[in-house]
Protein backbone atom coordinates (compact mmCIF):
# COMPACT_ATOMS: atom_id res chain seq x y z
CA MET A 1 87.85 115.47 122.59
CA ILE A 2 90.70 117.76 121.67
CA GLN A 3 90.88 120.32 118.53
CA ILE A 4 94.38 120.04 116.89
CA THR A 5 95.22 123.81 115.71
CA ALA A 6 98.75 124.06 114.76
CA VAL A 7 101.60 121.57 114.11
CA ARG A 8 105.80 121.76 114.47
CA LEU A 9 107.67 119.74 111.84
CA GLU A 10 111.16 118.94 112.18
CA GLY A 11 113.57 116.97 109.86
CA GLY A 12 111.04 117.07 106.54
CA ASN A 13 107.40 118.00 105.77
CA GLY A 14 105.62 114.73 106.08
CA HIS A 15 103.15 113.57 108.78
CA GLU A 16 105.84 111.36 110.32
CA HIS A 17 107.98 114.77 110.93
CA VAL A 18 105.17 116.39 113.23
CA THR A 19 107.03 116.60 116.27
CA HIS A 20 104.28 118.44 118.24
CA VAL A 21 100.85 119.95 117.88
CA LEU A 22 99.14 122.81 119.73
CA TRP A 23 95.77 121.53 121.18
CA SER A 24 92.71 123.00 122.93
CA SER A 25 89.60 121.49 124.30
CA GLN A 26 86.42 122.89 126.22
CA ALA A 27 88.49 122.49 129.73
CA THR A 28 91.86 123.81 128.02
CA THR A 29 92.73 126.84 126.39
CA ALA A 30 95.54 125.73 124.30
CA ALA A 31 98.49 123.21 125.34
CA LEU A 32 101.54 121.67 123.63
CA ALA A 33 101.76 117.80 122.92
CA SER A 34 104.67 115.81 121.57
CA ARG A 35 103.70 113.31 118.76
CA GLN A 36 104.66 110.38 121.27
CA GLY A 37 102.52 112.12 123.97
CA LEU A 38 99.55 112.38 121.51
CA VAL A 39 99.95 108.83 120.18
CA ASP A 40 100.10 107.20 123.39
CA TRP A 41 96.82 109.53 124.73
CA LEU A 42 94.81 108.52 121.74
CA THR A 43 95.79 104.64 122.00
CA SER A 44 95.17 104.66 125.78
CA SER A 45 91.34 104.95 125.54
CA ASP A 46 88.37 104.70 122.67
CA ALA A 47 87.05 107.76 124.71
CA ASN A 48 90.31 109.87 123.71
CA ARG A 49 89.58 111.42 120.23
CA ALA A 50 91.44 114.13 118.48
CA MET A 51 90.19 116.42 115.58
CA LEU A 52 90.90 119.50 113.45
CA LEU A 53 88.64 121.62 111.37
CA GLY A 54 89.53 121.21 107.90
CA GLU A 55 88.36 123.01 104.70
CA GLY A 56 84.92 124.57 104.88
CA ALA A 57 85.31 124.16 108.87
CA GLN A 58 84.60 120.18 108.33
CA VAL A 59 85.39 118.60 111.37
CA VAL A 60 87.94 115.86 110.50
CA PRO A 61 89.09 113.05 112.89
CA VAL A 62 92.87 112.47 113.64
CA GLU A 63 93.97 109.23 114.23
CA VAL A 64 97.34 107.29 114.85
CA VAL A 65 99.05 105.43 111.65
CA ARG A 66 101.73 102.55 112.40
CA PRO A 67 103.43 102.16 108.92
CA ALA A 68 106.21 99.52 108.90
CA GLY A 69 109.81 101.07 109.43
CA VAL A 70 108.25 104.61 110.37
CA VAL A 71 107.79 105.70 113.80
CA PRO A 72 103.61 106.04 114.73
CA HIS A 73 102.26 109.23 114.32
CA ILE A 74 99.01 110.97 113.62
CA ARG A 75 97.09 111.73 110.17
CA ALA A 76 93.86 113.42 109.46
CA ARG A 77 91.12 110.95 108.19
CA ALA A 78 87.97 111.94 106.33
CA ASP A 79 85.12 109.60 104.93
CA ASP A 80 87.46 108.88 101.78
CA GLY A 81 90.64 108.19 103.16
CA TRP A 82 93.64 110.10 104.77
CA THR A 83 93.98 113.58 103.94
CA ASP A 84 96.76 116.03 104.61
CA ASP A 85 94.64 118.23 106.30
CA LEU A 86 97.06 118.22 109.33
CA LEU A 87 99.81 119.50 107.36
CA ALA A 88 97.83 122.61 106.15
CA LEU A 89 97.42 123.81 109.88
CA PRO A 90 99.48 126.66 110.80
CA ARG A 91 103.12 126.01 111.97
CA LEU A 92 104.39 126.45 115.71
């Protein structure tokens, strides 16, 4: 599992504009991944999981979304639905 800690957006402020993420894991201090690289990694195996720390240090899963007419991208998902926690992370 990786933890996403920061995002880079280009061309807008929505989830589809996230171009890169900074992430870390127990094995990696910090690494940069492109949106497509992360989408590919998350969808290549059910064992590949990403999360972020939301409000109150709540662990929030990050999943791939594929809306019609928009490039596949990532978004945080809490128990009650999609959240904007990913967009609240620091910017790169």
